[in-house]
């Protein structure tokens, strides 16, 4: 069963994120988050949603950039992709079009 993250809309702004927009892009499961004014958000149905925050007690990072070594957050995915095409990347960052890894969620 896939865990659903809360839907939290980011502040409105006129800037459209995309390749070459000048903001750091971070692949996160089934979307790309953009770093903007100290937080990460992604396009969703004509607006931007905030990236989920890590729920670990020791972390205040977003799930897209969380690097906790003992992460227990249900929306962070630090598992290593097992499809053989990723070269050991985390499942949260996998972008393989034909991924067969059981813990990757980008195709969900």
PDB file of N, CA and C in Angstrom:
ATOM      1  N   UNK A   1       0.843  -1.175   0.000  1.00  0.00           N
ATOM      2  CA  UNK A   1       0.000   0.000   0.000  1.00  0.00           C
ATOM      3  C   UNK A   1       0.892   1.244   0.000  1.00  0.00           C
ATOM      4  N   UNK A   2       0.603   2.209  -0.811  1.00  0.00           N
ATOM      5  CA  UNK A   2       1.371   3.443  -0.902  1.00  0.00           C
ATOM      6  C   UNK A   2       0.850   4.446   0.111  1.00  0.00           C
ATOM      7  N   UNK A   3       1.750   5.048   0.871  1.00  0.00           N
ATOM      8  CA  UNK A   3       1.384   6.066   1.852  1.00  0.00           C
ATOM      9  C   UNK A   3       1.118   7.374   1.122  1.00  0.00           C
ATOM     10  N   UNK A   4       0.012   8.043   1.416  1.00  0.00           N
ATOM     11  CA  UNK A   4      -0.332   9.300   0.779  1.00  0.00           C
ATOM     12  C   UNK A   4       0.108  10.452   1.656  1.00  0.00           C
ATOM     13  N   UNK A   5       0.855  11.364   1.087  1.00  0.00           N
ATOM     14  CA  UNK A   5       1.327  12.531   1.833  1.00  0.00           C
ATOM     15  C   UNK A   5       0.230  13.577   1.884  1.00  0.00           C
ATOM     16  N   UNK A   6       0.210  14.376   2.935  1.00  0.00           N
ATOM     17  CA  UNK A   6      -0.791  15.441   3.013  1.00  0.00           C
ATOM     18  C   UNK A   6      -0.607  16.434   1.878  1.00  0.00           C
ATOM     19  N   UNK A   7      -1.694  17.021   1.425  1.00  0.00           N
ATOM     20  CA  UNK A   7      -1.694  17.979   0.328  1.00  0.00           C
ATOM     21  C   UNK A   7      -1.563  19.370   0.934  1.00  0.00           C
ATOM     22  N   UNK A   8      -0.384  19.968   0.787  1.00  0.00           N
ATOM     23  CA  UNK A   8      -0.114  21.272   1.373  1.00  0.00           C
ATOM     24  C   UNK A   8       0.312  22.231   0.273  1.00  0.00           C
ATOM     25  N   UNK A   9      -0.575  23.167  -0.087  1.00  0.00           N
ATOM     26  CA  UNK A   9      -0.297  24.083  -1.183  1.00  0.00           C
ATOM     27  C   UNK A   9       0.720  25.138  -0.765  1.00  0.00           C
ATOM     28  N   UNK A  10       1.699  25.387  -1.637  1.00  0.00           N
ATOM     29  CA  UNK A  10       2.727  26.408  -1.402  1.00  0.00           C
ATOM     30  C   UNK A  10       2.155  27.787  -1.697  1.00  0.00           C
ATOM     31  N   UNK A  11       2.896  28.814  -1.279  1.00  0.00           N
ATOM     32  CA  UNK A  11       2.458  30.181  -1.553  1.00  0.00           C
ATOM     33  C   UNK A  11       2.382  30.413  -3.063  1.00  0.00           C
ATOM     34  N   UNK A  12       1.536  31.312  -3.473  1.00  0.00           N
ATOM     35  CA  UNK A  12       1.399  31.624  -4.897  1.00  0.00           C
ATOM     36  C   UNK A  12       2.532  32.560  -5.320  1.00  0.00           C
ATOM     37  N   UNK A  13       3.056  32.312  -6.525  1.00  0.00           N
ATOM     38  CA  UNK A  13       4.059  33.184  -7.093  1.00  0.00           C
ATOM     39  C   UNK A  13       4.011  33.057  -8.613  1.00  0.00           C
ATOM     40  N   UNK A  14       4.482  34.093  -9.290  1.00  0.00           N
ATOM     41  CA  UNK A  14       4.378  34.139 -10.748  1.00  0.00           C
ATOM     42  C   UNK A  14       5.442  33.324 -11.457  1.00  0.00           C
ATOM     43  N   UNK A  15       6.476  32.921 -10.758  1.00  0.00           N
ATOM     44  CA  UNK A  15       7.579  32.183 -11.370  1.00  0.00           C
ATOM     45  C   UNK A  15       7.143  30.766 -11.740  1.00  0.00           C
ATOM     46  N   UNK A  16       7.436  30.340 -12.959  1.00  0.00           N
ATOM     47  CA  UNK A  16       7.163  28.972 -13.389  1.00  0.00           C
ATOM     48  C   UNK A  16       8.465  28.186 -13.347  1.00  0.00           C
ATOM     49  N   UNK A  17       8.462  27.088 -12.598  1.00  0.00           N
ATOM     50  CA  UNK A  17       9.662  26.268 -12.484  1.00  0.00           C
ATOM     51  C   UNK A  17       9.788  25.320 -13.668  1.00  0.00           C
ATOM     52  N   UNK A  18      11.021  25.034 -14.030  1.00  0.00           N
ATOM     53  CA  UNK A  18      11.305  24.104 -15.113  1.00  0.00           C
ATOM     54  C   UNK A  18      12.783  24.139 -15.433  1.00  0.00           C
ATOM     55  N   UNK A  19      13.210  23.363 -16.423  1.00  0.00           N
ATOM     56  CA  UNK A  19      14.633  23.342 -16.796  1.00  0.00           C
ATOM     57  C   UNK A  19      15.140  24.751 -17.101  1.00  0.00           C
ATOM     58  N   UNK A  20      16.256  25.101 -16.496  1.00  0.00           N
ATOM     59  CA  UNK A  20      16.858  26.401 -16.745  1.00  0.00           C
ATOM     60  C   UNK A  20      16.238  27.558 -15.988  1.00  0.00           C
ATOM     61  N   UNK A  21      15.345  27.301 -15.032  1.00  0.00           N
ATOM     62  CA  UNK A  21      14.683  28.403 -14.321  1.00  0.00           C
ATOM     63  C   UNK A  21      15.574  29.033 -13.259  1.00  0.00           C
ATOM     64  N   UNK A  22      16.695  28.374 -12.932  1.00  0.00           N
ATOM     65  CA  UNK A  22      17.606  28.932 -11.953  1.00  0.00           C
ATOM     66  C   UNK A  22      17.442  28.369 -10.547  1.00  0.00           C
ATOM     67  N   UNK A  23      16.495  27.485 -10.331  1.00  0.00           N
ATOM     68  CA  UNK A  23      16.303  26.875  -9.024  1.00  0.00           C
ATOM     69  C   UNK A  23      16.723  25.408  -9.055  1.00  0.00           C
ATOM     70  N   UNK A  24      17.287  24.938  -7.942  1.00  0.00           N
ATOM     71  CA  UNK A  24      17.708  23.551  -7.825  1.00  0.00           C
ATOM     72  C   UNK A  24      16.510  22.628  -8.015  1.00  0.00           C
ATOM     73  N   UNK A  25      16.625  21.665  -8.931  1.00  0.00           N
ATOM     74  CA  UNK A  25      15.580  20.661  -9.163  1.00  0.00           C
ATOM     75  C   UNK A  25      16.013  19.353  -8.520  1.00  0.00           C
ATOM     76  N   UNK A  26      15.106  18.740  -7.756  1.00  0.00           N
ATOM     77  CA  UNK A  26      15.393  17.485  -7.061  1.00  0.00           C
ATOM     78  C   UNK A  26      14.322  16.468  -7.428  1.00  0.00           C
ATOM     79  N   UNK A  27      14.725  15.375  -8.090  1.00  0.00           N
ATOM     80  CA  UNK A  27      13.771  14.305  -8.413  1.00  0.00           C
ATOM     81  C   UNK A  27      13.336  13.673  -7.100  1.00  0.00           C
ATOM     82  N   UNK A  28      12.019  13.512  -6.922  1.00  0.00           N
ATOM     83  CA  UNK A  28      11.472  12.918  -5.701  1.00  0.00           C
ATOM     84  C   UNK A  28      10.273  12.056  -6.058  1.00  0.00           C
ATOM     85  N   UNK A  29      10.524  10.752  -6.151  1.00  0.00           N
ATOM     86  CA  UNK A  29       9.510   9.752  -6.505  1.00  0.00           C
ATOM     87  C   UNK A  29       8.831  10.094  -7.819  1.00  0.00           C
ATOM     88  N   UNK A  30       7.568  10.517  -7.831  1.00  0.00           N
ATOM     89  CA  UNK A  30       6.841  10.708  -9.089  1.00  0.00           C
ATOM     90  C   UNK A  30       6.789  12.166  -9.556  1.00  0.00           C
ATOM     91  N   UNK A  31       7.661  13.037  -8.986  1.00  0.00           N
ATOM     92  CA  UNK A  31       7.645  14.453  -9.359  1.00  0.00           C
ATOM     93  C   UNK A  31       9.040  15.059  -9.189  1.00  0.00           C
ATOM     94  N   UNK A  32       9.172  16.318  -9.566  1.00  0.00           N
ATOM     95  CA  UNK A  32      10.414  17.068  -9.370  1.00  0.00           C
ATOM     96  C   UNK A  32      10.096  18.237  -8.449  1.00  0.00           C
ATOM     97  N   UNK A  33      10.827  18.322  -7.338  1.00  0.00           N
ATOM     98  CA  UNK A  33      10.691  19.452  -6.422  1.00  0.00           C
ATOM     99  C   UNK A  33      11.712  20.515  -6.804  1.00  0.00           C
ATOM    100  N   UNK A  34      11.337  21.790  -6.608  1.00  0.00           N
ATOM    101  CA  UNK A  34      12.233  22.908  -6.879  1.00  0.00           C
ATOM    102  C   UNK A  34      12.486  23.671  -5.589  1.00  0.00           C
ATOM    103  N   UNK A  35      13.776  23.967  -5.318  1.00  0.00           N
ATOM    104  CA  UNK A  35      14.123  24.750  -4.140  1.00  0.00           C
ATOM    105  C   UNK A  35      13.825  26.211  -4.437  1.00  0.00           C
ATOM    106  N   UNK A  36      13.022  26.821  -3.592  1.00  0.00           N
ATOM    107  CA  UNK A  36      12.590  28.197  -3.825  1.00  0.00           C
ATOM    108  C   UNK A  36      12.380  28.870  -2.477  1.00  0.00           C
ATOM    109  N   UNK A  37      13.089  29.937  -2.207  1.00  0.00           N
ATOM    110  CA  UNK A  37      12.964  30.690  -0.957  1.00  0.00           C
ATOM    111  C   UNK A  37      13.109  29.813   0.283  1.00  0.00           C
ATOM    112  N   UNK A  38      14.056  28.878   0.264  1.00  0.00           N
ATOM    113  CA  UNK A  38      14.360  28.068   1.432  1.00  0.00           C
ATOM    114  C   UNK A  38      13.498  26.846   1.645  1.00  0.00           C
ATOM    115  N   UNK A  39      12.648  26.518   0.695  1.00  0.00           N
ATOM    116  CA  UNK A  39      11.843  25.301   0.821  1.00  0.00           C
ATOM    117  C   UNK A  39      11.698  24.652  -0.544  1.00  0.00           C
ATOM    118  N   UNK A  40      11.154  23.460  -0.581  1.00  0.00           N
ATOM    119  CA  UNK A  40      10.967  22.716  -1.830  1.00  0.00           C
ATOM    120  C   UNK A  40       9.488  22.557  -2.132  1.00  0.00           C
ATOM    121  N   UNK A  41       9.124  22.760  -3.389  1.00  0.00           N
ATOM    122  CA  UNK A  41       7.751  22.512  -3.814  1.00  0.00           C
ATOM    123  C   UNK A  41       7.720  22.042  -5.262  1.00  0.00           C
ATOM    124  N   UNK A  42       6.576  21.480  -5.667  1.00  0.00           N
ATOM    125  CA  UNK A  42       6.424  20.927  -7.014  1.00  0.00           C
ATOM    126  C   UNK A  42       5.049  21.287  -7.575  1.00  0.00           C
ATOM    127  N   UNK A  43       4.967  21.312  -8.911  1.00  0.00           N
ATOM    128  CA  UNK A  43       3.713  21.639  -9.595  1.00  0.00           C
ATOM    129  C   UNK A  43       2.718  20.503  -9.403  1.00  0.00           C
ATOM    130  N   UNK A  44       1.460  20.877  -9.178  1.00  0.00           N
ATOM    131  CA  UNK A  44       0.389  19.899  -9.010  1.00  0.00           C
ATOM    132  C   UNK A  44      -0.940  20.553  -9.360  1.00  0.00           C
ATOM    133  N   UNK A  45      -1.559  20.099 -10.434  1.00  0.00           N
ATOM    134  CA  UNK A  45      -2.893  20.593 -10.842  1.00  0.00           C
ATOM    135  C   UNK A  45      -2.987  22.118 -10.922  1.00  0.00           C
ATOM    136  N   UNK A  46      -1.976  22.749 -11.525  1.00  0.00           N
ATOM    137  CA  UNK A  46      -2.029  24.191 -11.748  1.00  0.00           C
ATOM    138  C   UNK A  46      -1.543  25.054 -10.599  1.00  0.00           C
ATOM    139  N   UNK A  47      -1.046  24.452  -9.526  1.00  0.00           N
ATOM    140  CA  UNK A  47      -0.470  25.205  -8.411  1.00  0.00           C
ATOM    141  C   UNK A  47       0.750  24.436  -7.903  1.00  0.00           C
ATOM    142  N   UNK A  48       1.420  24.952  -6.903  1.00  0.00           N
ATOM    143  CA  UNK A  48       2.586  24.281  -6.331  1.00  0.00           C
ATOM    144  C   UNK A  48       2.252  23.742  -4.945  1.00  0.00           C
ATOM    145  N   UNK A  49       2.674  22.504  -4.683  1.00  0.00           N
ATOM    146  CA  UNK A  49       2.524  21.885  -3.373  1.00  0.00           C
ATOM    147  C   UNK A  49       3.872  21.853  -2.677  1.00  0.00           C
ATOM    148  N   UNK A  50       3.858  22.060  -1.364  1.00  0.00           N
ATOM    149  CA  UNK A  50       5.070  21.934  -0.568  1.00  0.00           C
ATOM    150  C   UNK A  50       5.519  20.478  -0.571  1.00  0.00           C
ATOM    151  N   UNK A  51       6.826  20.256  -0.598  1.00  0.00           N
ATOM    152  CA  UNK A  51       7.361  18.911  -0.423  1.00  0.00           C
ATOM    153  C   UNK A  51       7.118  18.516   1.028  1.00  0.00           C
ATOM    154  N   UNK A  52       6.823  17.257   1.261  1.00  0.00           N
ATOM    155  CA  UNK A  52       6.588  16.791   2.619  1.00  0.00           C
ATOM    156  C   UNK A  52       7.853  16.934   3.458  1.00  0.00           C
ATOM    157  N   UNK A  53       7.689  17.220   4.729  1.00  0.00           N
ATOM    158  CA  UNK A  53       8.806  17.329   5.676  1.00  0.00           C
ATOM    159  C   UNK A  53       9.058  15.973   6.298  1.00  0.00           C
ATOM    160  N   UNK A  54      10.322  15.660   6.521  1.00  0.00           N
ATOM    161  CA  UNK A  54      10.684  14.420   7.183  1.00  0.00           C
ATOM    162  C   UNK A  54      10.077  14.419   8.581  1.00  0.00           C
ATOM    163  N   UNK A  55       9.536  13.265   8.986  1.00  0.00           N
ATOM    164  CA  UNK A  55       8.874  13.155  10.278  1.00  0.00           C
ATOM    165  C   UNK A  55       9.768  12.579  11.371  1.00  0.00           C
ATOM    166  N   UNK A  56      11.058  12.359  11.073  1.00  0.00           N
ATOM    167  CA  UNK A  56      11.983  11.866  12.095  1.00  0.00           C
ATOM    168  C   UNK A  56      12.192  12.939  13.163  1.00  0.00           C
ATOM    169  N   UNK A  57      12.445  12.515  14.387  1.00  0.00           N
ATOM    170  CA  UNK A  57      12.621  13.468  15.480  1.00  0.00           C
ATOM    171  C   UNK A  57      13.915  14.272  15.352  1.00  0.00           C
ATOM    172  N   UNK A  58      14.904  13.764  14.634  1.00  0.00           N
ATOM    173  CA  UNK A  58      16.190  14.449  14.502  1.00  0.00           C
ATOM    174  C   UNK A  58      16.321  15.280  13.230  1.00  0.00           C
ATOM    175  N   UNK A  59      15.288  15.362  12.414  1.00  0.00           N
ATOM    176  CA  UNK A  59      15.414  15.962  11.084  1.00  0.00           C
ATOM    177  C   UNK A  59      14.391  17.082  10.892  1.00  0.00           C
ATOM    178  N   UNK A  60      14.797  18.142  10.220  1.00  0.00           N
ATOM    179  CA  UNK A  60      13.853  19.188   9.837  1.00  0.00           C
ATOM    180  C   UNK A  60      13.947  19.457   8.336  1.00  0.00           C
ATOM    181  N   UNK A  61      14.458  18.467   7.594  1.00  0.00           N
ATOM    182  CA  UNK A  61      14.641  18.575   6.154  1.00  0.00           C
ATOM    183  C   UNK A  61      13.369  18.107   5.435  1.00  0.00           C
ATOM    184  N   UNK A  62      13.299  18.356   4.139  1.00  0.00           N
ATOM    185  CA  UNK A  62      12.187  17.832   3.348  1.00  0.00           C
ATOM    186  C   UNK A  62      12.490  16.384   2.986  1.00  0.00           C
ATOM    187  N   UNK A  63      11.471  15.619   2.669  1.00  0.00           N
ATOM    188  CA  UNK A  63      11.667  14.220   2.295  1.00  0.00           C
ATOM    189  C   UNK A  63      12.504  14.085   1.023  1.00  0.00           C
ATOM    190  N   UNK A  64      12.452  15.073   0.152  1.00  0.00           N
ATOM    191  CA  UNK A  64      13.218  15.013  -1.097  1.00  0.00           C
ATOM    192  C   UNK A  64      14.714  15.098  -0.865  1.00  0.00           C
ATOM    193  N   UNK A  65      15.134  15.740   0.218  1.00  0.00           N
ATOM    194  CA  UNK A  65      16.559  15.921   0.464  1.00  0.00           C
ATOM    195  C   UNK A  65      17.019  15.310   1.787  1.00  0.00           C
ATOM    196  N   UNK A  66      16.159  14.602   2.481  1.00  0.00           N
ATOM    197  CA  UNK A  66      16.504  13.987   3.761  1.00  0.00           C
ATOM    198  C   UNK A  66      17.664  13.009   3.577  1.00  0.00           C
ATOM    199  N   UNK A  67      18.631  13.086   4.488  1.00  0.00           N
ATOM    200  CA  UNK A  67      19.761  12.171   4.423  1.00  0.00           C
ATOM    201  C   UNK A  67      19.986  11.471   5.761  1.00  0.00           C
ATOM    202  N   UNK A  68      18.951  11.351   6.570  1.00  0.00           N
ATOM    203  CA  UNK A  68      19.058  10.670   7.869  1.00  0.00           C
ATOM    204  C   UNK A  68      19.537   9.235   7.654  1.00  0.00           C
ATOM    205  N   UNK A  69      20.540   8.824   8.396  1.00  0.00           N
ATOM    206  CA  UNK A  69      21.050   7.456   8.247  1.00  0.00           C
ATOM    207  C   UNK A  69      20.117   6.429   8.877  1.00  0.00           C
ATOM    208  N   UNK A  70      19.308   6.840   9.840  1.00  0.00           N
ATOM    209  CA  UNK A  70      18.376   5.924  10.495  1.00  0.00           C
ATOM    210  C   UNK A  70      16.939   6.407  10.341  1.00  0.00           C
ATOM    211  N   UNK A  71      16.606   6.925   9.183  1.00  0.00           N
ATOM    212  CA  UNK A  71      15.305   7.529   8.914  1.00  0.00           C
ATOM    213  C   UNK A  71      14.164   6.528   9.110  1.00  0.00           C
ATOM    214  N   UNK A  72      13.137   6.974   9.815  1.00  0.00           N
ATOM    215  CA  UNK A  72      11.951   6.140  10.025  1.00  0.00           C
ATOM    216  C   UNK A  72      10.699   6.810   9.467  1.00  0.00           C
ATOM    217  N   UNK A  73      10.867   7.874   8.722  1.00  0.00           N
ATOM    218  CA  UNK A  73       9.744   8.626   8.160  1.00  0.00           C
ATOM    219  C   UNK A  73       9.044   7.804   7.077  1.00  0.00           C
ATOM    220  N   UNK A  74       7.726   7.694   7.116  1.00  0.00           N
ATOM    221  CA  UNK A  74       7.016   6.881   6.114  1.00  0.00           C
ATOM    222  C   UNK A  74       6.998   7.483   4.710  1.00  0.00           C
ATOM    223  N   UNK A  75       7.314   8.782   4.555  1.00  0.00           N
ATOM    224  CA  UNK A  75       7.300   9.381   3.220  1.00  0.00           C
ATOM    225  C   UNK A  75       8.690   9.617   2.651  1.00  0.00           C
ATOM    226  N   UNK A  76       9.746   9.284   3.399  1.00  0.00           N
ATOM    227  CA  UNK A  76      11.112   9.289   2.866  1.00  0.00           C
ATOM    228  C   UNK A  76      11.396   7.882   2.344  1.00  0.00           C
ATOM    229  N   UNK A  77      12.164   7.766   1.288  1.00  0.00           N
ATOM    230  CA  UNK A  77      12.460   6.446   0.741  1.00  0.00           C
ATOM    231  C   UNK A  77      13.950   6.356   0.452  1.00  0.00           C
ATOM    232  N   UNK A  78      14.704   5.876   1.436  1.00  0.00           N
ATOM    233  CA  UNK A  78      16.151   5.769   1.309  1.00  0.00           C
ATOM    234  C   UNK A  78      16.595   4.407   0.800  1.00  0.00           C
ATOM    235  N   UNK A  79      15.666   3.530   0.478  1.00  0.00           N
ATOM    236  CA  UNK A  79      16.045   2.210  -0.028  1.00  0.00           C
ATOM    237  C   UNK A  79      16.857   2.378  -1.308  1.00  0.00           C
ATOM    238  N   UNK A  80      17.770   1.471  -1.567  1.00  0.00           N
ATOM    239  CA  UNK A  80      18.571   1.498  -2.786  1.00  0.00           C
ATOM    240  C   UNK A  80      17.806   0.791  -3.892  1.00  0.00           C
ATOM    241  N   UNK A  81      17.684   1.446  -5.044  1.00  0.00           N
ATOM    242  CA  UNK A  81      16.961   0.862  -6.166  1.00  0.00           C
ATOM    243  C   UNK A  81      17.620  -0.453  -6.577  1.00  0.00           C
ATOM    244  N   UNK A  82      16.799  -1.467  -6.805  1.00  0.00           N
ATOM    245  CA  UNK A  82      17.282  -2.807  -7.123  1.00  0.00           C
ATOM    246  C   UNK A  82      17.092  -3.199  -8.589  1.00  0.00           C
ATOM    247  N   UNK A  83      16.768  -2.248  -9.469  1.00  0.00           N
ATOM    248  CA  UNK A  83      16.469  -2.614 -10.852  1.00  0.00           C
ATOM    249  C   UNK A  83      17.709  -2.904 -11.694  1.00  0.00           C
ATOM    250  N   UNK A  84      18.889  -2.496 -11.247  1.00  0.00           N
ATOM    251  CA  UNK A  84      20.114  -2.751 -11.999  1.00  0.00           C
ATOM    252  C   UNK A  84      20.503  -1.638 -12.947  1.00  0.00           C
ATOM    253  N   UNK A  85      19.655  -0.634 -13.138  1.00  0.00           N
ATOM    254  CA  UNK A  85      19.963   0.479 -14.043  1.00  0.00           C
ATOM    255  C   UNK A  85      20.414   1.739 -13.315  1.00  0.00           C
ATOM    256  N   UNK A  86      20.176   1.817 -12.018  1.00  0.00           N
ATOM    257  CA  UNK A  86      20.391   3.056 -11.270  1.00  0.00           C
ATOM    258  C   UNK A  86      21.796   3.250 -10.732  1.00  0.00           C
ATOM    259  N   UNK A  87      22.568   2.215 -10.637  1.00  0.00           N
ATOM    260  CA  UNK A  87      23.914   2.351 -10.102  1.00  0.00           C
ATOM    261  C   UNK A  87      23.942   2.646  -8.612  1.00  0.00           C
ATOM    262  N   UNK A  88      22.969   2.149  -7.881  1.00  0.00           N
ATOM    263  CA  UNK A  88      22.964   2.313  -6.431  1.00  0.00           C
ATOM    264  C   UNK A  88      22.297   3.569  -5.927  1.00  0.00           C
ATOM    265  N   UNK A  89      21.513   4.258  -6.740  1.00  0.00           N
ATOM    266  CA  UNK A  89      20.823   5.463  -6.298  1.00  0.00           C
ATOM    267  C   UNK A  89      19.664   5.099  -5.379  1.00  0.00           C
ATOM    268  N   UNK A  90      19.211   6.059  -4.576  1.00  0.00           N
ATOM    269  CA  UNK A  90      18.065   5.842  -3.701  1.00  0.00           C
ATOM    270  C   UNK A  90      16.789   5.734  -4.518  1.00  0.00           C
ATOM    271  N   UNK A  91      15.845   4.950  -4.028  1.00  0.00           N
ATOM    272  CA  UNK A  91      14.557   4.793  -4.707  1.00  0.00           C
ATOM    273  C   UNK A  91      13.843   6.136  -4.885  1.00  0.00           C
ATOM    274  N   UNK A  92      13.979   7.037  -3.919  1.00  0.00           N
ATOM    275  CA  UNK A  92      13.313   8.339  -4.017  1.00  0.00           C
ATOM    276  C   UNK A  92      13.809   9.149  -5.204  1.00  0.00           C
ATOM    277  N   UNK A  93      15.009   8.843  -5.720  1.00  0.00           N
ATOM    278  CA  UNK A  93      15.593   9.599  -6.832  1.00  0.00           C
ATOM    279  C   UNK A  93      15.614   8.822  -8.143  1.00  0.00           C
ATOM    280  N   UNK A  94      15.059   7.622  -8.182  1.00  0.00           N
ATOM    281  CA  UNK A  94      15.082   6.785  -9.378  1.00  0.00           C
ATOM    282  C   UNK A  94      14.181   7.363 -10.465  1.00  0.00           C
ATOM    283  N   UNK A  95      14.678   7.413 -11.684  1.00  0.00           N
ATOM    284  CA  UNK A  95      13.892   7.908 -12.814  1.00  0.00           C
ATOM    285  C   UNK A  95      13.852   6.899 -13.966  1.00  0.00           C
ATOM    286  N   UNK A  96      14.194   5.646 -13.703  1.00  0.00           N
ATOM    287  CA  UNK A  96      14.189   4.622 -14.752  1.00  0.00           C
ATOM    288  C   UNK A  96      12.779   4.442 -15.308  1.00  0.00           C
ATOM    289  N   UNK A  97      12.639   4.535 -16.618  1.00  0.00           N
ATOM    290  CA  UNK A  97      11.323   4.392 -17.248  1.00  0.00           C
ATOM    291  C   UNK A  97      10.781   2.976 -17.116  1.00  0.00           C
ATOM    292  N   UNK A  98      11.671   1.987 -17.048  1.00  0.00           N
ATOM    293  CA  UNK A  98      11.241   0.596 -16.975  1.00  0.00           C
ATOM    294  C   UNK A  98      11.672  -0.052 -15.653  1.00  0.00           C
ATOM    295  N   UNK A  99      11.595   0.697 -14.571  1.00  0.00           N
ATOM    296  CA  UNK A  99      12.059   0.230 -13.269  1.00  0.00           C
ATOM    297  C   UNK A  99      11.244  -0.967 -12.795  1.00  0.00           C
ATOM    298  N   UNK A 100      11.946  -1.967 -12.280  1.00  0.00           N
ATOM    299  CA  UNK A 100      11.284  -3.169 -11.766  1.00  0.00           C
ATOM    300  C   UNK A 100      11.479  -3.318 -10.264  1.00  0.00           C
ATOM    301  N   UNK A 101      12.026  -2.301  -9.621  1.00  0.00           N
ATOM    302  CA  UNK A 101      12.290  -2.345  -8.178  1.00  0.00           C
ATOM    303  C   UNK A 101      10.981  -2.261  -7.404  1.00  0.00           C
ATOM    304  N   UNK A 102      10.822  -3.130  -6.412  1.00  0.00           N
ATOM    305  CA  UNK A 102       9.563  -3.182  -5.664  1.00  0.00           C
ATOM    306  C   UNK A 102       9.405  -2.032  -4.675  1.00  0.00           C
ATOM    307  N   UNK A 103      10.474  -1.305  -4.340  1.00  0.00           N
ATOM    308  CA  UNK A 103      10.334  -0.215  -3.378  1.00  0.00           C
ATOM    309  C   UNK A 103      10.367   1.172  -4.021  1.00  0.00           C
ATOM    310  N   UNK A 104      10.546   1.262  -5.331  1.00  0.00           N
ATOM    311  CA  UNK A 104      10.464   2.569  -6.008  1.00  0.00           C
ATOM    312  C   UNK A 104       9.002   2.927  -6.204  1.00  0.00           C
ATOM    313  N   UNK A 105       8.701   4.237  -6.093  1.00  0.00           N
ATOM    314  CA  UNK A 105       7.325   4.694  -6.203  1.00  0.00           C
ATOM    315  C   UNK A 105       7.115   5.675  -7.357  1.00  0.00           C
ATOM    316  N   UNK A 106       8.160   5.938  -8.158  1.00  0.00           N
ATOM    317  CA  UNK A 106       8.036   6.981  -9.181  1.00  0.00           C
ATOM    318  C   UNK A 106       7.023   6.670 -10.260  1.00  0.00           C
ATOM    319  N   UNK A 107       6.711   5.415 -10.451  1.00  0.00           N
ATOM    320  CA  UNK A 107       5.736   5.038 -11.484  1.00  0.00           C
ATOM    321  C   UNK A 107       4.340   4.860 -10.906  1.00  0.00           C
ATOM    322  N   UNK A 108       4.195   5.063  -9.603  1.00  0.00           N
ATOM    323  CA  UNK A 108       2.900   4.844  -8.941  1.00  0.00           C
ATOM    324  C   UNK A 108       1.877   5.892  -9.349  1.00  0.00           C
TER     325      UNK A 108
END
